[in-house]
Amino acid sequence: MELCSSLLEGGVTPSAGLIGLVRKNISIGLHVIIRPRGGDFCYTSQEFEVMQQDVLAAKELGADGVVFGILDTEGKVDVHRTRQLVELARPLKVTFHRAFDMSADLIRSLEDVVQTGAERILTSGGAQSSIAGARSLRQLVDASGGQVIIMAGGGINPENVRSLIEETGVQEIHASLRSSTESSMRHKNELISMGSLEGREYQHFTVLEDQVSQLVRAASASSARS
């Protein structure tokens, strides 16, 4: 399970309170995203220091892994600073997230991530969704040579997961499967938006157990065939 806050920004680091509560209530692997803000993945020295402190906090709170990605101004993987975080995170597992998809050259970035020591790359193959990036995902799986796990993520659901696995050869998938839920509040002030996206004050997202179960069954069926 990857834990993050603010999905509208693509996910940022969750609070210590959230990490601790989730760790208390689940027994499966917990991987915490380390992302100090939304936007690009080229971080200042102060932002990098925040990431270091958040890695240590995730370790202290019982996470099994952390998820992050750092690029330089030219869209290359920042190998030096990424390796620093990987070493700081040990013995936790490390996933290089979809900052990878924003890099200038996916194959070069694959080689760079391998150098950092990260175990996994979360990617859509450089496309908006894994389905659109299926050909690139296949190339990344082949090019990885087992040195790093290629995890497909982006637009995956119970209806397309089987064909995606068979086409790309990925062994792991990532999906949010979130559904919109209306607020329980009866009083609503529609004149004010507290954030930059209007109309979100009385809406939030939940993950439905039946959709997760369907996805697992479909993915398992594909794995059994292969």
C-alpha atoms as a PDB file:
ATOM      1  CA  MET A   1       0.000   0.000   0.000  1.00  0.00           C
ATOM      2  CA  GLU A   2       1.330   3.414  -0.986  1.00  0.00           C
ATOM      3  CA  LEU A   3       0.260   6.127   1.432  1.00  0.00           C
ATOM      4  CA  CYS A   4       0.058   9.759   0.365  1.00  0.00           C
ATOM      5  CA  SER A   5      -1.959  12.911   0.888  1.00  0.00           C
ATOM      6  CA  SER A   6      -3.410  15.391  -1.624  1.00  0.00           C
ATOM      7  CA  LEU A   7      -4.117  13.137  -4.598  1.00  0.00           C
ATOM      8  CA  LEU A   8      -5.258  16.234  -6.500  1.00  0.00           C
ATOM      9  CA  GLU A   9      -1.572  17.225  -6.620  1.00  0.00           C
ATOM     10  CA  GLY A  10      -0.457  13.729  -7.533  1.00  0.00           C
ATOM     11  CA  GLY A  11       0.314  12.889  -3.909  1.00  0.00           C
ATOM     12  CA  VAL A  12       2.491  14.532  -1.257  1.00  0.00           C
ATOM     13  CA  THR A  13       3.977  13.306   2.021  1.00  0.00           C
ATOM     14  CA  PRO A  14       1.263  12.339   4.536  1.00  0.00           C
ATOM     15  CA  SER A  15       1.318  13.604   8.107  1.00  0.00           C
ATOM     16  CA  ALA A  16       2.980  11.678  10.901  1.00  0.00           C
ATOM     17  CA  GLY A  17      -0.444  11.168  12.447  1.00  0.00           C
ATOM     18  CA  LEU A  18      -1.786   9.540   9.294  1.00  0.00           C
ATOM     19  CA  ILE A  19       1.261   7.300   8.853  1.00  0.00           C
ATOM     20  CA  GLY A  20       1.040   6.151  12.476  1.00  0.00           C
ATOM     21  CA  LEU A  21      -2.692   5.442  12.340  1.00  0.00           C
ATOM     22  CA  VAL A  22      -2.461   3.505   9.076  1.00  0.00           C
ATOM     23  CA  ARG A  23       0.491   1.476  10.402  1.00  0.00           C
ATOM     24  CA  LYS A  24      -1.566   0.617  13.463  1.00  0.00           C
ATOM     25  CA  ASN A  25      -4.511  -0.595  11.395  1.00  0.00           C
ATOM     26  CA  ILE A  26      -2.968  -2.591   8.542  1.00  0.00           C
ATOM     27  CA  SER A  27      -0.638  -5.582   8.487  1.00  0.00           C
ATOM     28  CA  ILE A  28       0.335  -5.427   4.799  1.00  0.00           C
ATOM     29  CA  GLY A  29       3.376  -3.549   3.515  1.00  0.00           C
ATOM     30  CA  LEU A  30       3.173   0.231   3.962  1.00  0.00           C
ATOM     31  CA  HIS A  31       5.131   2.458   1.579  1.00  0.00           C
ATOM     32  CA  VAL A  32       5.077   6.201   2.278  1.00  0.00           C
ATOM     33  CA  ILE A  33       5.503   8.798  -0.452  1.00  0.00           C
ATOM     34  CA  ILE A  34       8.214  11.379   0.248  1.00  0.00           C
ATOM     35  CA  ARG A  35       7.251  14.443  -1.769  1.00  0.00           C
ATOM     36  CA  PRO A  36       7.412  17.853  -0.070  1.00  0.00           C
ATOM     37  CA  ARG A  37       5.121  19.648  -2.536  1.00  0.00           C
ATOM     38  CA  GLY A  38       3.206  19.317  -5.772  1.00  0.00           C
ATOM     39  CA  GLY A  39       4.640  20.439  -9.073  1.00  0.00           C
ATOM     40  CA  ASP A  40       7.967  19.409 -10.581  1.00  0.00           C
ATOM     41  CA  PHE A  41      10.587  17.094  -9.075  1.00  0.00           C
ATOM     42  CA  CYS A  42      13.579  19.433  -9.059  1.00  0.00           C
ATOM     43  CA  TYR A  43      14.021  20.348  -5.402  1.00  0.00           C
ATOM     44  CA  THR A  44      15.863  23.092  -3.543  1.00  0.00           C
ATOM     45  CA  SER A  45      18.362  22.273  -0.817  1.00  0.00           C
ATOM     46  CA  GLN A  46      15.744  23.126   1.796  1.00  0.00           C
ATOM     47  CA  GLU A  47      13.170  20.854   0.164  1.00  0.00           C
ATOM     48  CA  PHE A  48      15.726  18.064   0.010  1.00  0.00           C
ATOM     49  CA  GLU A  49      16.374  18.502   3.727  1.00  0.00           C
ATOM     50  CA  VAL A  50      12.637  18.166   4.344  1.00  0.00           C
ATOM     51  CA  MET A  51      12.658  14.924   2.334  1.00  0.00           C
ATOM     52  CA  GLN A  52      15.509  13.577   4.454  1.00  0.00           C
ATOM     53  CA  GLN A  53      13.614  14.340   7.654  1.00  0.00           C
ATOM     54  CA  ASP A  54      10.448  12.744   6.257  1.00  0.00           C
ATOM     55  CA  VAL A  55      12.335   9.554   5.347  1.00  0.00           C
ATOM     56  CA  LEU A  56      13.564   9.311   8.935  1.00  0.00           C
ATOM     57  CA  ALA A  57      10.052   9.946  10.256  1.00  0.00           C
ATOM     58  CA  ALA A  58       8.581   7.226   8.026  1.00  0.00           C
ATOM     59  CA  LYS A  59      11.195   4.775   9.340  1.00  0.00           C
ATOM     60  CA  GLU A  60      10.435   5.726  12.924  1.00  0.00           C
ATOM     61  CA  LEU A  61       6.697   5.233  12.379  1.00  0.00           C
ATOM     62  CA  GLY A  62       7.100   1.707  11.047  1.00  0.00           C
ATOM     63  CA  ALA A  63       6.878   2.078   7.265  1.00  0.00           C
ATOM     64  CA  ASP A  64       8.149  -0.821   5.178  1.00  0.00           C
ATOM     65  CA  GLY A  65       9.228   1.366   2.286  1.00  0.00           C
ATOM     66  CA  VAL A  66       9.394   4.886   0.904  1.00  0.00           C
ATOM     67  CA  VAL A  67       8.547   6.296  -2.510  1.00  0.00           C
ATOM     68  CA  PHE A  68      10.274   9.318  -4.034  1.00  0.00           C
ATOM     69  CA  GLY A  69      11.889  10.734  -7.151  1.00  0.00           C
ATOM     70  CA  ILE A  70      14.309  13.579  -7.857  1.00  0.00           C
ATOM     71  CA  LEU A  71      15.234  15.095 -11.231  1.00  0.00           C
ATOM     72  CA  ASP A  72      17.684  17.810 -12.191  1.00  0.00           C
ATOM     73  CA  THR A  73      16.895  20.869 -14.313  1.00  0.00           C
ATOM     74  CA  GLU A  74      17.615  18.939 -17.533  1.00  0.00           C
ATOM     75  CA  GLY A  75      15.141  16.193 -16.735  1.00  0.00           C
ATOM     76  CA  LYS A  76      17.756  13.624 -15.721  1.00  0.00           C
ATOM     77  CA  VAL A  77      17.581  11.511 -12.568  1.00  0.00           C
ATOM     78  CA  ASP A  78      19.509  13.226  -9.785  1.00  0.00           C
ATOM     79  CA  VAL A  79      21.576  10.133  -9.016  1.00  0.00           C
ATOM     80  CA  HIS A  80      23.614  11.672  -6.196  1.00  0.00           C
ATOM     81  CA  ARG A  81      20.742  12.976  -4.075  1.00  0.00           C
ATOM     82  CA  THR A  82      18.515   9.991  -4.852  1.00  0.00           C
ATOM     83  CA  ARG A  83      21.263   7.637  -3.681  1.00  0.00           C
ATOM     84  CA  GLN A  84      21.583   9.683  -0.488  1.00  0.00           C
ATOM     85  CA  LEU A  85      17.911   9.138   0.272  1.00  0.00           C
ATOM     86  CA  VAL A  86      18.117   5.447  -0.627  1.00  0.00           C
ATOM     87  CA  GLU A  87      20.987   4.956   1.839  1.00  0.00           C
ATOM     88  CA  LEU A  88      19.185   6.994   4.498  1.00  0.00           C
ATOM     89  CA  ALA A  89      16.059   4.869   4.061  1.00  0.00           C
ATOM     90  CA  ARG A  90      17.765   1.504   4.571  1.00  0.00           C
ATOM     91  CA  PRO A  91      16.677  -1.136   5.465  1.00  0.00           C
ATOM     92  CA  LEU A  92      13.370   0.107   3.965  1.00  0.00           C
ATOM     93  CA  LYS A  93      12.591  -0.696   0.329  1.00  0.00           C
ATOM     94  CA  VAL A  94      12.686   2.229  -2.111  1.00  0.00           C
ATOM     95  CA  THR A  95      10.512   2.955  -5.119  1.00  0.00           C
ATOM     96  CA  PHE A  96      11.409   5.696  -7.613  1.00  0.00           C
ATOM     97  CA  HIS A  97       7.985   7.115  -8.464  1.00  0.00           C
ATOM     98  CA  ARG A  98       6.502   8.665 -11.612  1.00  0.00           C
ATOM     99  CA  ALA A  99       8.978  11.524 -11.619  1.00  0.00           C
ATOM    100  CA  PHE A 100      10.562   8.893 -13.869  1.00  0.00           C
ATOM    101  CA  ASP A 101       7.850   9.568 -16.491  1.00  0.00           C
ATOM    102  CA  MET A 102       8.765  13.261 -16.516  1.00  0.00           C
ATOM    103  CA  SER A 103      12.418  12.556 -17.319  1.00  0.00           C
ATOM    104  CA  ALA A 104      14.009  13.334 -20.685  1.00  0.00           C
ATOM    105  CA  ASP A 105      15.076   9.783 -21.614  1.00  0.00           C
ATOM    106  CA  LEU A 106      13.419   6.748 -20.052  1.00  0.00           C
ATOM    107  CA  ILE A 107      16.127   4.207 -20.864  1.00  0.00           C
ATOM    108  CA  ARG A 108      18.869   6.517 -19.573  1.00  0.00           C
ATOM    109  CA  SER A 109      16.756   7.164 -16.479  1.00  0.00           C
ATOM    110  CA  LEU A 110      16.313   3.422 -15.968  1.00  0.00           C
ATOM    111  CA  GLU A 111      20.106   3.012 -15.908  1.00  0.00           C
ATOM    112  CA  ASP A 112      20.432   5.941 -13.506  1.00  0.00           C
ATOM    113  CA  VAL A 113      17.823   4.572 -11.081  1.00  0.00           C
ATOM    114  CA  VAL A 114      19.667   1.243 -11.035  1.00  0.00           C
ATOM    115  CA  GLN A 115      22.778   3.168  -9.925  1.00  0.00           C
ATOM    116  CA  THR A 116      20.896   4.662  -6.974  1.00  0.00           C
ATOM    117  CA  GLY A 117      20.102   1.264  -5.482  1.00  0.00           C
ATOM    118  CA  ALA A 118      16.319   1.670  -5.584  1.00  0.00           C
ATOM    119  CA  GLU A 119      14.417  -1.613  -5.920  1.00  0.00           C
ATOM    120  CA  ARG A 120      11.507  -0.439  -8.033  1.00  0.00           C
ATOM    121  CA  ILE A 121      10.359   2.103 -10.622  1.00  0.00           C
ATOM    122  CA  LEU A 122       6.715   3.177 -10.764  1.00  0.00           C
ATOM    123  CA  THR A 123       5.958   4.236 -14.334  1.00  0.00           C
ATOM    124  CA  SER A 124       3.305   4.562 -17.012  1.00  0.00           C
ATOM    125  CA  GLY A 125       5.943   4.263 -19.717  1.00  0.00           C
ATOM    126  CA  GLY A 126       6.146   8.032 -20.088  1.00  0.00           C
ATOM    127  CA  ALA A 127       2.501   8.314 -21.181  1.00  0.00           C
ATOM    128  CA  GLN A 128      -0.641   9.624 -19.509  1.00  0.00           C
ATOM    129  CA  SER A 129      -1.668   6.057 -18.672  1.00  0.00           C
ATOM    130  CA  SER A 130      -0.067   2.633 -18.600  1.00  0.00           C
ATOM    131  CA  ILE A 131      -2.340   1.533 -21.415  1.00  0.00           C
ATOM    132  CA  ALA A 132      -1.067   4.343 -23.654  1.00  0.00           C
ATOM    133  CA  GLY A 133       2.509   3.620 -22.575  1.00  0.00           C
ATOM    134  CA  ALA A 134       2.313  -0.178 -22.885  1.00  0.00           C
ATOM    135  CA  ARG A 135       4.942  -0.402 -25.619  1.00  0.00           C
ATOM    136  CA  SER A 136       7.429   1.633 -23.601  1.00  0.00           C
ATOM    137  CA  LEU A 137       6.671  -0.457 -20.517  1.00  0.00           C
ATOM    138  CA  ARG A 138       7.554  -3.588 -22.467  1.00  0.00           C
ATOM    139  CA  GLN A 139      10.845  -1.990 -23.506  1.00  0.00           C
ATOM    140  CA  LEU A 140      11.612  -0.992 -19.923  1.00  0.00           C
ATOM    141  CA  VAL A 141      10.888  -4.490 -18.616  1.00  0.00           C
ATOM    142  CA  ASP A 142      13.226  -5.959 -21.241  1.00  0.00           C
ATOM    143  CA  ALA A 143      15.922  -3.330 -20.655  1.00  0.00           C
ATOM    144  CA  SER A 144      15.820  -3.698 -16.856  1.00  0.00           C
ATOM    145  CA  GLY A 145      17.223  -7.214 -17.034  1.00  0.00           C
ATOM    146  CA  GLY A 146      15.851  -7.907 -13.577  1.00  0.00           C
ATOM    147  CA  GLN A 147      18.065  -5.242 -11.994  1.00  0.00           C
ATOM    148  CA  VAL A 148      15.035  -3.232 -10.905  1.00  0.00           C
ATOM    149  CA  ILE A 149      11.313  -3.989 -10.727  1.00  0.00           C
ATOM    150  CA  ILE A 150       9.139  -2.170 -13.269  1.00  0.00           C
ATOM    151  CA  MET A 151       5.770  -1.431 -11.670  1.00  0.00           C
ATOM    152  CA  ALA A 152       3.078  -0.193 -14.059  1.00  0.00           C
ATOM    153  CA  GLY A 153       0.852   2.602 -12.768  1.00  0.00           C
ATOM    154  CA  GLY A 154      -1.656   5.028 -14.234  1.00  0.00           C
ATOM    155  CA  GLY A 155      -5.190   4.310 -15.427  1.00  0.00           C
ATOM    156  CA  ILE A 156      -5.208   0.644 -14.431  1.00  0.00           C
ATOM    157  CA  ASN A 157      -8.545  -0.959 -13.544  1.00  0.00           C
ATOM    158  CA  PRO A 158     -10.096  -4.461 -13.342  1.00  0.00           C
ATOM    159  CA  GLU A 159     -11.108  -4.283 -17.015  1.00  0.00           C
ATOM    160  CA  ASN A 160      -7.678  -3.572 -18.503  1.00  0.00           C
ATOM    161  CA  VAL A 161      -5.187  -5.030 -16.031  1.00  0.00           C
ATOM    162  CA  ARG A 162      -5.089  -8.500 -17.556  1.00  0.00           C
ATOM    163  CA  SER A 163      -4.281  -7.336 -21.071  1.00  0.00           C
ATOM    164  CA  LEU A 164      -1.734  -4.841 -19.719  1.00  0.00           C
ATOM    165  CA  ILE A 165       0.190  -7.511 -17.819  1.00  0.00           C
ATOM    166  CA  GLU A 166       0.184  -9.846 -20.810  1.00  0.00           C
ATOM    167  CA  GLU A 167       1.322  -7.130 -23.212  1.00  0.00           C
ATOM    168  CA  THR A 168       4.049  -5.581 -21.052  1.00  0.00           C
ATOM    169  CA  GLY A 169       5.335  -8.425 -18.909  1.00  0.00           C
ATOM    170  CA  VAL A 170       5.208  -6.336 -15.719  1.00  0.00           C
ATOM    171  CA  GLN A 171       5.090  -8.298 -12.470  1.00  0.00           C
ATOM    172  CA  GLU A 172       3.672  -5.513 -10.312  1.00  0.00           C
ATOM    173  CA  ILE A 173       0.919  -2.927 -10.783  1.00  0.00           C
ATOM    174  CA  HIS A 174      -0.175   0.254  -9.033  1.00  0.00           C
ATOM    175  CA  ALA A 175      -3.760   1.541  -8.985  1.00  0.00           C
ATOM    176  CA  SER A 176      -5.682   4.084  -6.921  1.00  0.00           C
ATOM    177  CA  LEU A 177      -9.228   2.921  -7.796  1.00  0.00           C
ATOM    178  CA  ARG A 178     -10.648   5.960  -6.045  1.00  0.00           C
ATOM    179  CA  SER A 179     -14.321   6.877  -6.225  1.00  0.00           C
ATOM    180  CA  SER A 180     -15.889  10.278  -5.569  1.00  0.00           C
ATOM    181  CA  THR A 181     -17.979  10.571  -2.401  1.00  0.00           C
ATOM    182  CA  GLU A 182     -20.232  13.478  -1.547  1.00  0.00           C
ATOM    183  CA  SER A 183     -19.869  15.279   1.777  1.00  0.00           C
ATOM    184  CA  SER A 184     -22.273  14.408   4.608  1.00  0.00           C
ATOM    185  CA  MET A 185     -22.682  18.113   5.446  1.00  0.00           C
ATOM    186  CA  ARG A 186     -26.190  19.503   5.067  1.00  0.00           C
ATOM    187  CA  HIS A 187     -25.086  23.136   5.231  1.00  0.00           C
ATOM    188  CA  LYS A 188     -22.952  24.172   2.283  1.00  0.00           C
ATOM    189  CA  ASN A 189     -21.512  27.583   1.435  1.00  0.00           C
ATOM    190  CA  GLU A 190     -21.134  27.366  -2.335  1.00  0.00           C
ATOM    191  CA  LEU A 191     -19.758  30.943  -2.540  1.00  0.00           C
ATOM    192  CA  ILE A 192     -16.312  30.072  -1.187  1.00  0.00           C
ATOM    193  CA  SER A 193     -13.581  27.719  -2.378  1.00  0.00           C
ATOM    194  CA  MET A 194     -10.858  27.022   0.170  1.00  0.00           C
ATOM    195  CA  GLY A 195      -8.453  25.661  -2.442  1.00  0.00           C
ATOM    196  CA  SER A 196      -7.446  26.490  -5.992  1.00  0.00           C
ATOM    197  CA  LEU A 197      -9.903  23.944  -7.470  1.00  0.00           C
ATOM    198  CA  GLU A 198     -13.443  25.196  -7.126  1.00  0.00           C
ATOM    199  CA  GLY A 199     -16.219  22.898  -5.975  1.00  0.00           C
ATOM    200  CA  ARG A 200     -14.023  20.443  -4.047  1.00  0.00           C
ATOM    201  CA  GLU A 201     -14.999  21.436  -0.509  1.00  0.00           C
ATOM    202  CA  TYR A 202     -17.928  19.027  -0.401  1.00  0.00           C
ATOM    203  CA  GLN A 203     -16.341  16.085  -2.183  1.00  0.00           C
ATOM    204  CA  HIS A 204     -13.715  13.547  -1.240  1.00  0.00           C
ATOM    205  CA  PHE A 205     -12.459  10.224  -2.530  1.00  0.00           C
ATOM    206  CA  THR A 206     -12.594   6.702  -1.129  1.00  0.00           C
ATOM    207  CA  VAL A 207     -11.273   3.340  -2.273  1.00  0.00           C
ATOM    208  CA  LEU A 208     -13.945   0.667  -2.644  1.00  0.00           C
ATOM    209  CA  GLU A 209     -13.047  -2.808  -1.423  1.00  0.00           C
ATOM    210  CA  ASP A 210     -14.979  -4.602  -4.166  1.00  0.00           C
ATOM    211  CA  GLN A 211     -13.006  -2.792  -6.892  1.00  0.00           C
ATOM    212  CA  VAL A 212      -9.720  -3.767  -5.264  1.00  0.00           C
ATOM    213  CA  SER A 213     -10.873  -7.384  -5.050  1.00  0.00           C
ATOM    214  CA  GLN A 214     -11.858  -7.364  -8.719  1.00  0.00           C
ATOM    215  CA  LEU A 215      -8.482  -5.951  -9.701  1.00  0.00           C
ATOM    216  CA  VAL A 216      -6.609  -8.563  -7.668  1.00  0.00           C
ATOM    217  CA  ARG A 217      -8.626 -11.391  -9.199  1.00  0.00           C
ATOM    218  CA  ALA A 218      -8.084 -10.112 -12.737  1.00  0.00           C
ATOM    219  CA  ALA A 219      -4.357  -9.624 -12.181  1.00  0.00           C
ATOM    220  CA  SER A 220      -4.023 -13.034 -10.551  1.00  0.00           C
ATOM    221  CA  ALA A 221      -5.793 -14.677 -13.491  1.00  0.00           C
ATOM    222  CA  SER A 222      -3.291 -13.136 -15.871  1.00  0.00           C
ATOM    223  CA  SER A 223      -0.343 -14.202 -13.733  1.00  0.00           C
ATOM    224  CA  ALA A 224      -1.665 -17.753 -13.586  1.00  0.00           C
ATOM    225  CA  ARG A 225      -1.838 -17.927 -17.375  1.00  0.00           C
ATOM    226  CA  SER A 226       1.721 -16.685 -17.809  1.00  0.00           C
END
